[in-house]
Amino acid sequence: MVKYFKFISMNLIDLSLKLNGFPINKAERKLKQIEGIQAEKYEEFINNQKLAIVNFHLKNNNFYREIVKLKTHNWESLPVLEKKDLQISLQQRLSDNFTLDRIFKNKTSGSSGNPFYFAKDKFSHALTWAVIKNRFNWHQLYGKKQARFYGIPQNGFDRKKELLKDFFSNRYRFDVFDVSHSAIERWLKKFESSKFVYLNGYTSVLVVFAKYLISQKKLLKDICPTLQACVVTSEMLFKSDRTILEKGFGVKVINEYGASELDLIAFEDANGNWILNTSTLYVEVLNDLNKPVKDGEIGDIVITSLFNKAHPFIRYKIGDRGAIKKVDSKKYLLEKLEGRNEDIIKLPSGKVSPGLTFYYITKSVMEDSGKIREIKVIQNRLDNFTIEYISDMKLTKSEEIKITDALIKYLEPDLDINFVKLEKLKRSKSGKLKQFTSLIK
């Protein structure tokens, strides 16, 4: 009887998908077929699928035909789409014979400031779940009890819908909008009474949780012995963050990278390699002229959804910068991820630097004090930055000078750095913390 109920809980996600018309069994068979293709034949499969999805949308999607405007084309001549190109009603972007009741419809969280509705046909969405199931099972996690650290709508139908999804997905959702010490103590009581197998959520929130445990000389694995892993997503994971998470939780840390409008993009395997999803996506890294960069070089990440017939995501610039490395025709590694390409530091001298690098330097120096819980960096003008932070105690003048000197050494002289201690940092509606923001137009 116990085994029966365990089987039922493990398959609630699949059951929910089936009840809502998503062909998960068919999708799993397709994924197994794709992953069975040998490396020497994989490039041919990808090229055929690229051609098939482009031809489908040129034939069946008036929105995409209007954008392409070419009677003949090769891959490189196809336009690179950005989110701003898709800021029209979803109905106008749907392919022929796809109506709003025959698709999976959702919207991005809007952490970049540009939320928009998108669509997937039901088979494409089922394929997304097949990939998620496959990757999480690399670590024997799919369907297991999840401690979820994501945002949630605060009221109304959308909140009830998310909570229902949590039930079917065997997960308990924690409030990421309150990371105070008293809130974390309530989290710990839940861990004491629950058999969670893994944590999953925003990096910044989980780092705050782990820091608190370290400060209290506690280990989450001791409090919740069933815990096996921590999956971080949606925000950058720095090397120092991984160290904190491992020290506070006592379990392995797995890095996930995905986009709701596309798919799971990369997932860390048991050997710590960030494996790119080449089963349902085609990923390019392009320079400012939309030309491919060399293997391992940083550029704009551009992704094609190979199976989504309801909505064209063809050569779609996701907004992040990174680098990939080819292992063979089938296997690629995501080597670097720098964050969003609009979050760039522009300095008076003309020097340009990735914003998250600046955030990382600030973060590492400020955490030397041992009392900083969260940090957010805002560039107001070319020479002016505000560093917002949460701490039990205000930074001393000497600590502020030390941080300013470190930033000037890395960037350039004559910068104006202001420090603001806050009780709470502003997060997006989804609960994400935008770690670096430039207000420079």
Protein backbone atom coordinates (compact mmCIF):
# COMPACT_ATOMS: atom_id res chain seq x y z
CA MET A 1 0.00 0.00 0.00
CA VAL A 2 2.85 2.43 0.83
CA LYS A 3 4.51 1.68 -2.51
CA TYR A 4 1.17 2.31 -4.27
CA PHE A 5 0.74 5.77 -2.75
CA LYS A 6 4.39 6.60 -3.50
CA PHE A 7 3.76 5.62 -7.14
CA ILE A 8 0.65 7.83 -7.28
CA SER A 9 2.47 10.90 -5.84
CA MET A 10 5.41 10.39 -8.21
CA ASN A 11 3.05 10.51 -11.20
CA LEU A 12 0.72 13.36 -10.18
CA ILE A 13 2.61 15.73 -12.49
CA ASP A 14 2.22 13.42 -15.49
CA LEU A 15 -1.43 12.82 -14.60
CA SER A 16 -2.07 16.57 -14.43
CA LEU A 17 -0.45 17.07 -17.83
CA LYS A 18 -2.55 14.30 -19.37
CA LEU A 19 -5.79 15.64 -17.87
CA ASN A 20 -5.03 19.04 -19.41
CA GLY A 21 -4.46 17.58 -22.86
CA PHE A 22 -0.66 17.58 -22.95
CA PRO A 23 0.63 14.35 -24.61
CA ILE A 24 3.45 13.63 -22.14
CA ASN A 25 3.85 9.95 -23.16
CA LYS A 26 4.24 10.89 -26.82
CA ALA A 27 6.70 13.63 -25.86
CA GLU A 28 8.81 11.22 -23.78
CA ARG A 29 8.95 8.78 -26.68
CA LYS A 30 10.05 11.59 -29.00
CA LEU A 31 12.74 12.75 -26.57
CA LYS A 32 14.03 9.19 -26.21
CA GLN A 33 14.17 8.92 -30.01
CA ILE A 34 16.11 12.21 -30.29
CA GLU A 35 18.58 11.29 -27.57
CA GLY A 36 19.13 7.94 -29.29
CA ILE A 37 20.48 9.62 -32.45
CA GLN A 38 24.23 9.02 -32.77
CA ALA A 39 26.60 12.01 -32.61
CA GLU A 40 27.75 11.64 -36.24
CA LYS A 41 24.14 11.93 -37.45
CA TYR A 42 23.05 14.64 -35.02
CA GLU A 43 24.00 17.68 -37.09
CA GLU A 44 21.85 16.37 -39.93
CA PHE A 45 18.89 15.96 -37.52
CA ILE A 46 19.31 19.53 -36.20
CA ASN A 47 19.57 21.02 -39.70
CA ASN A 48 16.46 19.15 -40.84
CA GLN A 49 14.52 20.28 -37.77
CA LYS A 50 15.65 23.92 -38.23
CA LEU A 51 14.48 23.80 -41.85
CA ALA A 52 11.18 22.17 -40.87
CA ILE A 53 10.26 24.71 -38.17
CA VAL A 54 11.21 27.70 -40.37
CA ASN A 55 9.21 26.38 -43.33
CA PHE A 56 6.22 25.66 -41.07
CA HIS A 57 6.08 29.22 -39.77
CA LEU A 58 6.72 30.79 -43.18
CA LYS A 59 3.76 28.81 -44.49
CA ASN A 60 1.42 29.05 -41.46
CA ASN A 61 2.33 32.20 -39.54
CA ASN A 62 1.57 35.58 -41.09
CA PHE A 63 3.42 37.42 -38.30
CA TYR A 64 6.66 35.56 -39.06
CA ARG A 65 6.23 35.92 -42.85
CA GLU A 66 5.97 39.70 -42.42
CA ILE A 67 9.17 39.76 -40.36
CA VAL A 68 11.23 37.61 -42.73
CA LYS A 69 10.06 39.27 -45.98
CA LEU A 70 12.44 37.13 -48.05
CA LYS A 71 11.36 34.83 -50.87
CA THR A 72 14.56 32.83 -50.55
CA HIS A 73 16.74 32.59 -47.48
CA ASN A 74 19.50 30.73 -45.71
CA TRP A 75 19.82 30.40 -41.93
CA GLU A 76 22.13 33.40 -41.48
CA SER A 77 19.77 35.67 -43.44
CA LEU A 78 16.86 35.00 -41.06
CA PRO A 79 16.20 37.93 -38.70
CA VAL A 80 17.31 37.75 -35.07
CA LEU A 81 14.19 38.41 -32.99
CA GLU A 82 14.15 40.31 -29.70
CA LYS A 83 11.43 40.59 -27.10
CA LYS A 84 10.52 44.07 -28.36
CA ASP A 85 9.68 42.51 -31.76
CA LEU A 86 7.04 40.41 -30.01
CA GLN A 87 5.27 43.21 -28.13
CA ILE A 88 2.00 42.86 -30.00
CA SER A 89 -1.06 40.85 -29.02
CA LEU A 90 -0.54 37.11 -28.74
CA GLN A 91 -3.46 36.43 -31.08
CA GLN A 92 -1.60 38.24 -33.88
CA ARG A 93 1.49 36.06 -33.34
CA LEU A 94 -0.24 32.66 -33.35
CA SER A 95 0.11 30.29 -36.28
CA ASP A 96 -2.88 29.34 -38.41
CA ASN A 97 -5.34 26.89 -36.79
CA PHE A 98 -4.00 27.60 -33.30
CA THR A 99 -6.53 29.30 -31.07
CA LEU A 100 -6.13 30.45 -27.47
CA ASP A 101 -8.01 27.37 -26.23
CA ARG A 102 -5.69 24.96 -28.11
CA ILE A 103 -2.36 26.15 -26.75
CA PHE A 104 -0.35 26.52 -23.58
CA LYS A 105 -0.36 30.24 -22.81
CA ASN A 106 1.72 32.02 -20.19
CA LYS A 107 3.74 35.18 -19.67
CA THR A 108 7.32 35.86 -18.70
CA SER A 109 8.00 37.14 -15.19
CA GLY A 110 9.07 40.52 -16.51
CA SER A 111 12.30 40.65 -14.49
CA SER A 112 13.92 42.38 -17.47
CA GLY A 113 11.18 45.01 -17.55
CA ASN A 114 9.55 43.55 -20.68
CA PRO A 115 6.92 40.96 -19.72
CA PHE A 116 4.94 39.46 -22.57
CA TYR A 117 2.53 36.63 -23.28
CA PHE A 118 3.79 33.65 -25.26
CA ALA A 119 2.36 30.39 -26.51
CA LYS A 120 3.42 26.80 -27.09
CA ASP A 121 1.46 24.10 -28.84
CA LYS A 122 0.53 21.29 -26.48
CA PHE A 123 3.07 18.82 -27.85
CA SER A 124 5.86 21.39 -27.56
CA HIS A 125 4.93 22.11 -23.94
CA ALA A 126 4.81 18.37 -23.20
CA LEU A 127 8.32 18.10 -24.69
CA THR A 128 9.48 20.80 -22.26
CA TRP A 129 8.21 18.69 -19.37
CA ALA A 130 9.81 15.57 -20.84
CA VAL A 131 13.17 17.37 -20.85
CA ILE A 132 12.64 18.61 -17.27
CA LYS A 133 11.75 15.08 -16.13
CA ASN A 134 14.79 13.65 -17.90
CA ARG A 135 17.26 16.18 -16.47
CA PHE A 136 15.96 16.08 -12.91
CA ASN A 137 16.18 12.31 -13.06
CA TRP A 138 19.92 12.66 -13.69
CA HIS A 139 19.88 13.27 -9.93
CA GLN A 140 16.81 11.10 -9.07
CA LEU A 141 14.77 14.19 -8.14
CA TYR A 142 11.76 14.30 -10.47
CA GLY A 143 8.48 14.05 -8.59
CA LYS A 144 10.21 13.99 -5.18
CA LYS A 145 9.14 16.34 -2.36
CA GLN A 146 10.34 19.85 -3.25
CA ALA A 147 10.91 22.88 -1.04
CA ARG A 148 10.11 25.65 -3.53
CA PHE A 149 11.55 29.15 -3.18
CA TYR A 150 9.78 31.04 -5.98
CA GLY A 151 7.48 34.02 -6.05
CA ILE A 152 3.71 33.66 -6.22
CA PRO A 153 0.81 36.05 -6.95
CA GLN A 154 -0.37 37.46 -3.64
CA ASN A 155 -4.08 36.91 -4.21
CA GLY A 156 -6.80 35.99 -6.69
CA PHE A 157 -7.20 33.19 -9.21
CA ASP A 158 -3.54 33.15 -10.29
CA ARG A 159 -2.44 32.42 -6.71
CA LYS A 160 -4.91 29.53 -6.38
CA LYS A 161 -3.74 28.16 -9.73
CA GLU A 162 -0.08 28.18 -8.60
CA LEU A 163 -0.95 26.48 -5.33
CA LEU A 164 -2.89 23.79 -7.22
CA LYS A 165 0.15 23.24 -9.45
CA ASP A 166 2.28 22.94 -6.31
CA PHE A 167 -0.03 20.20 -5.02
CA PHE A 168 0.16 18.20 -8.25
CA SER A 169 3.93 18.73 -8.43
CA ASN A 170 4.55 17.48 -4.86
CA ARG A 171 6.08 20.75 -3.66
CA TYR A 172 5.66 23.22 -0.80
CA ARG A 173 6.13 26.92 -1.60
CA PHE A 174 7.95 29.27 0.78
CA ASP A 175 7.37 33.04 0.84
CA VAL A 176 10.41 34.62 -0.87
CA PHE A 177 9.15 38.15 -0.26
CA ASP A 178 10.08 37.91 3.41
CA VAL A 179 13.66 36.80 4.17
CA SER A 180 13.83 38.20 7.69
CA HIS A 181 15.33 36.10 10.50
CA SER A 182 11.88 35.44 11.96
CA ALA A 183 10.63 34.22 8.56
CA ILE A 184 13.61 31.90 8.17
CA GLU A 185 12.96 30.45 11.63
CA ARG A 186 9.45 29.59 10.41
CA TRP A 187 11.00 27.94 7.34
CA LEU A 188 13.18 25.80 9.61
CA LYS A 189 10.15 24.56 11.56
CA LYS A 190 8.64 23.40 8.27
CA PHE A 191 11.87 21.56 7.39
CA GLU A 192 11.82 19.88 10.81
CA SER A 193 8.38 18.41 10.15
CA SER A 194 8.68 17.65 6.39
CA LYS A 195 10.59 15.06 4.36
CA PHE A 196 11.87 17.39 1.65
CA VAL A 197 14.20 15.78 -0.89
CA TYR A 198 15.46 18.96 -2.56
CA LEU A 199 15.26 22.73 -2.56
CA ASN A 200 14.51 24.60 -5.78
CA GLY A 201 14.43 28.35 -6.26
CA TYR A 202 16.02 31.73 -6.74
CA THR A 203 19.73 31.84 -5.99
CA SER A 204 19.60 35.09 -3.97
CA VAL A 205 16.91 33.81 -1.59
CA LEU A 206 18.60 30.47 -1.03
CA VAL A 207 21.94 32.19 -0.35
CA VAL A 208 20.27 34.34 2.35
CA PHE A 209 18.79 31.14 3.86
CA ALA A 210 22.18 29.37 3.83
CA LYS A 211 23.97 32.39 5.35
CA TYR A 212 21.52 32.42 8.24
CA LEU A 213 22.10 28.71 8.89
CA ILE A 214 25.87 29.27 8.88
CA SER A 215 25.54 32.20 11.30
CA GLN A 216 23.53 29.96 13.64
CA LYS A 217 26.02 27.09 13.22
CA LYS A 218 23.25 24.87 11.84
CA LEU A 219 23.19 22.48 8.88
CA LEU A 220 19.92 22.01 6.99
CA LYS A 221 20.76 18.37 6.23
CA ASP A 222 20.83 17.71 10.00
CA ILE A 223 17.44 19.38 10.43
CA CYS A 224 15.93 17.59 7.42
CA PRO A 225 17.86 14.30 6.90
CA THR A 226 15.92 13.37 3.71
CA LEU A 227 17.43 16.37 1.88
CA GLN A 228 19.61 15.42 -1.12
CA ALA A 229 20.15 18.48 -3.33
CA CYS A 230 19.61 22.18 -3.98
CA VAL A 231 18.64 23.31 -7.50
CA VAL A 232 19.18 27.02 -8.18
CA THR A 233 17.65 28.89 -11.09
CA SER A 234 16.57 32.28 -12.52
CA GLU A 235 19.54 34.22 -11.10
CA MET A 236 23.33 34.05 -11.42
CA LEU A 237 25.19 31.48 -9.32
CA PHE A 238 28.68 32.67 -8.41
CA LYS A 239 31.39 30.35 -7.12
CA SER A 240 31.17 31.99 -3.69
CA ASP A 241 27.38 31.43 -3.68
CA ARG A 242 27.86 27.72 -4.33
CA THR A 243 30.29 27.50 -1.42
CA ILE A 244 27.79 29.21 0.92
CA LEU A 245 24.91 26.99 -0.22
CA GLU A 246 26.92 23.79 0.24
CA LYS A 247 28.13 24.91 3.67
CA GLY A 248 24.65 25.94 4.90
CA PHE A 249 22.62 23.07 3.41
CA GLY A 250 25.09 20.18 3.40
CA VAL A 251 23.94 18.86 -0.01
CA LYS A 252 25.10 19.12 -3.63
CA VAL A 253 24.16 22.25 -5.60
CA ILE A 254 22.78 21.88 -9.15
CA ASN A 255 22.69 24.84 -11.52
CA GLU A 256 19.70 25.19 -13.86
CA TYR A 257 19.25 27.72 -16.67
CA GLY A 258 15.98 28.11 -18.50
CA ALA A 259 13.46 30.50 -20.01
CA SER A 260 9.72 30.10 -19.56
CA GLU A 261 8.97 31.05 -23.17
CA LEU A 262 11.44 28.46 -24.50
CA ASP A 263 12.50 25.48 -22.45
CA LEU A 264 15.08 24.24 -19.99
CA ILE A 265 18.26 25.56 -21.64
CA ALA A 266 21.05 23.98 -19.57
CA PHE A 267 21.27 21.67 -16.57
CA GLU A 268 24.20 20.53 -14.48
CA ASP A 269 25.02 16.83 -14.60
CA ALA A 270 26.49 14.66 -11.85
CA ASN A 271 30.02 15.69 -12.89
CA GLY A 272 29.32 19.41 -12.58
CA ASN A 273 29.12 20.01 -16.35
CA TRP A 274 26.46 22.49 -17.47
CA ILE A 275 24.94 20.48 -20.34
CA LEU A 276 23.16 22.47 -23.05
CA ASN A 277 19.73 21.24 -24.18
CA THR A 278 20.30 20.30 -27.83
CA SER A 279 17.24 18.02 -27.93
CA THR A 280 14.52 20.65 -28.33
CA LEU A 281 16.57 23.85 -28.82
CA TYR A 282 19.19 25.15 -31.22
CA VAL A 283 21.51 27.58 -29.42
CA GLU A 284 23.77 30.15 -31.09
CA VAL A 285 26.16 32.70 -29.59
CA LEU A 286 26.39 35.82 -31.77
CA ASN A 287 28.36 39.08 -31.74
CA ASP A 288 26.94 42.61 -32.07
CA LEU A 289 26.61 42.11 -35.85
CA ASN A 290 24.65 38.88 -35.30
CA LYS A 291 27.55 36.77 -36.57
CA PRO A 292 28.66 33.58 -34.77
CA VAL A 293 31.53 33.99 -32.31
CA LYS A 294 34.34 31.44 -31.92
CA ASP A 295 33.86 28.41 -29.70
CA GLY A 296 34.11 29.48 -26.05
CA GLU A 297 33.80 33.24 -26.71
CA ILE A 298 31.21 35.44 -24.97
CA GLY A 299 28.33 36.76 -27.03
CA ASP A 300 24.54 37.15 -27.14
CA ILE A 301 22.67 33.91 -26.56
CA VAL A 302 20.21 33.32 -29.42
CA ILE A 303 17.83 30.35 -29.30
CA THR A 304 15.51 28.57 -31.70
CA SER A 305 12.66 26.43 -30.39
CA LEU A 306 12.76 23.46 -32.76
CA PHE A 307 9.27 22.10 -32.11
CA ASN A 308 6.98 25.01 -31.18
CA LYS A 309 4.46 25.34 -34.01
CA ALA A 310 2.03 27.64 -32.20
CA HIS A 311 4.46 30.56 -31.95
CA PRO A 312 7.74 31.31 -33.75
CA PHE A 313 10.80 31.49 -31.53
CA ILE A 314 13.34 31.36 -34.33
CA ARG A 315 16.74 32.98 -33.72
CA TYR A 316 15.34 34.61 -30.59
CA LYS A 317 17.78 36.75 -28.62
CA ILE A 318 16.95 35.83 -25.07
CA GLY A 319 18.72 38.84 -23.53
CA ASP A 320 21.57 36.97 -21.81
CA ARG A 321 25.24 36.81 -22.69
CA GLY A 322 27.32 33.68 -22.40
CA ALA A 323 29.70 31.20 -24.03
CA ILE A 324 29.29 27.60 -25.15
CA LYS A 325 31.86 24.91 -25.88
CA LYS A 326 31.41 22.08 -28.36
CA VAL A 327 32.22 18.57 -27.14
CA ASP A 328 30.88 16.82 -30.24
CA SER A 329 28.04 17.36 -32.75
CA LYS A 330 25.53 16.37 -30.11
CA LYS A 331 26.96 17.60 -26.81
CA TYR A 332 27.66 21.23 -25.90
CA LEU A 333 28.53 22.80 -22.56
CA LEU A 334 27.34 26.18 -21.33
CA GLU A 335 30.73 27.44 -20.14
CA LYS A 336 29.88 30.97 -19.02
CA LEU A 337 26.78 33.02 -18.30
CA GLU A 338 27.21 36.75 -17.75
CA GLY A 339 23.63 37.88 -17.25
CA ARG A 340 21.49 40.20 -19.28
CA ASN A 341 23.07 42.21 -22.07
CA GLU A 342 21.23 45.42 -21.10
CA ASP A 343 22.83 45.34 -17.65
CA ILE A 344 26.14 46.83 -18.75
CA ILE A 345 28.27 49.34 -16.83
CA LYS A 346 29.15 52.36 -18.98
CA LEU A 347 31.80 54.62 -17.43
CA PRO A 348 32.86 58.26 -18.09
CA SER A 349 36.07 57.14 -19.84
CA GLY A 350 34.08 55.05 -22.32
CA LYS A 351 35.01 51.78 -20.62
CA VAL A 352 32.29 49.13 -20.66
CA SER A 353 32.01 46.19 -18.24
CA PRO A 354 29.39 43.51 -17.45
CA GLY A 355 27.15 44.71 -14.62
CA LEU A 356 27.19 41.40 -12.79
CA THR A 357 30.98 41.53 -12.60
CA PHE A 358 30.64 44.83 -10.73
CA TYR A 359 27.99 43.27 -8.52
CA TYR A 360 30.27 40.31 -7.80
CA ILE A 361 33.18 42.52 -6.72
CA THR A 362 30.91 44.59 -4.48
CA LYS A 363 29.35 41.44 -3.05
CA SER A 364 32.66 39.72 -2.29
CA VAL A 365 34.18 42.79 -0.60
CA MET A 366 31.05 43.64 1.41
CA GLU A 367 30.64 40.07 2.63
CA ASP A 368 34.11 40.23 4.19
CA SER A 369 32.44 42.21 6.97
CA GLY A 370 30.35 39.14 7.79
CA LYS A 371 27.17 41.12 8.37
CA ILE A 372 25.74 41.73 4.87
CA ARG A 373 22.71 39.61 3.90
CA GLU A 374 21.71 40.96 0.47
CA ILE A 375 23.11 43.50 -2.00
CA LYS A 376 21.72 45.37 -5.00
CA VAL A 377 23.73 47.74 -7.22
CA ILE A 378 22.16 50.62 -9.17
CA GLN A 379 23.96 52.83 -11.69
CA ASN A 380 22.30 56.25 -11.66
CA ARG A 381 24.71 58.18 -13.90
CA LEU A 382 27.97 57.41 -15.69
CA ASP A 383 29.96 58.27 -12.54
CA ASN A 384 27.38 57.56 -9.84
CA PHE A 385 26.38 54.26 -8.21
CA THR A 386 24.13 53.35 -5.30
CA ILE A 387 24.78 50.17 -3.35
CA GLU A 388 21.70 49.07 -1.43
CA TYR A 389 22.18 46.43 1.23
CA ILE A 390 20.45 44.61 4.07
CA SER A 391 22.42 44.22 7.27
CA ASP A 392 21.91 44.09 11.01
CA MET A 393 24.40 46.95 11.36
CA LYS A 394 25.30 49.89 9.15
CA LEU A 395 28.66 49.72 7.38
CA THR A 396 31.32 51.80 9.07
CA LYS A 397 33.02 54.64 7.20
CA SER A 398 36.24 52.62 6.93
CA GLU A 399 34.30 49.68 5.45
CA GLU A 400 32.65 51.99 2.89
CA ILE A 401 36.08 53.40 1.95
CA LYS A 402 37.50 49.88 1.54
CA ILE A 403 34.67 48.91 -0.82
CA THR A 404 34.91 52.17 -2.79
CA ASP A 405 38.69 51.73 -3.20
CA ALA A 406 38.20 48.17 -4.49
CA LEU A 407 35.62 49.32 -7.05
CA ILE A 408 37.74 52.24 -8.24
CA LYS A 409 40.75 49.93 -8.59
CA TYR A 410 38.71 47.59 -10.79
CA LEU A 411 36.83 50.26 -12.75
CA GLU A 412 38.37 53.76 -12.85
CA PRO A 413 38.99 56.82 -10.61
CA ASP A 414 36.58 59.62 -9.68
CA LEU A 415 33.46 57.50 -9.22
CA ASP A 416 30.79 58.50 -6.73
CA ILE A 417 29.68 55.48 -4.66
CA ASN A 418 26.77 55.83 -2.20
CA PHE A 419 25.70 53.24 0.36
CA VAL A 420 22.10 52.82 1.53
CA LYS A 421 21.10 50.40 4.29
CA LEU A 422 17.53 49.14 3.85
CA GLU A 423 15.20 46.80 5.70
CA LYS A 424 14.10 45.17 2.45
CA LEU A 425 15.35 45.27 -1.16
CA LYS A 426 12.89 45.84 -3.99
CA ARG A 427 12.15 42.62 -5.89
CA SER A 428 10.19 41.99 -9.07
CA LYS A 429 6.58 40.82 -8.88
CA SER A 430 7.83 37.25 -9.24
CA GLY A 431 10.15 37.63 -6.25
CA LYS A 432 13.42 37.77 -8.19
CA LEU A 433 16.14 40.16 -7.09
CA LYS A 434 17.56 42.13 -10.02
CA GLN A 435 21.10 42.30 -8.72
CA PHE A 436 22.46 45.03 -11.00
CA THR A 437 20.38 47.74 -12.67
CA SER A 438 21.58 50.51 -14.95
CA LEU A 439 19.39 53.61 -15.19
CA ILE A 440 21.58 54.96 -18.04
CA LYS A 441 19.55 55.24 -21.22
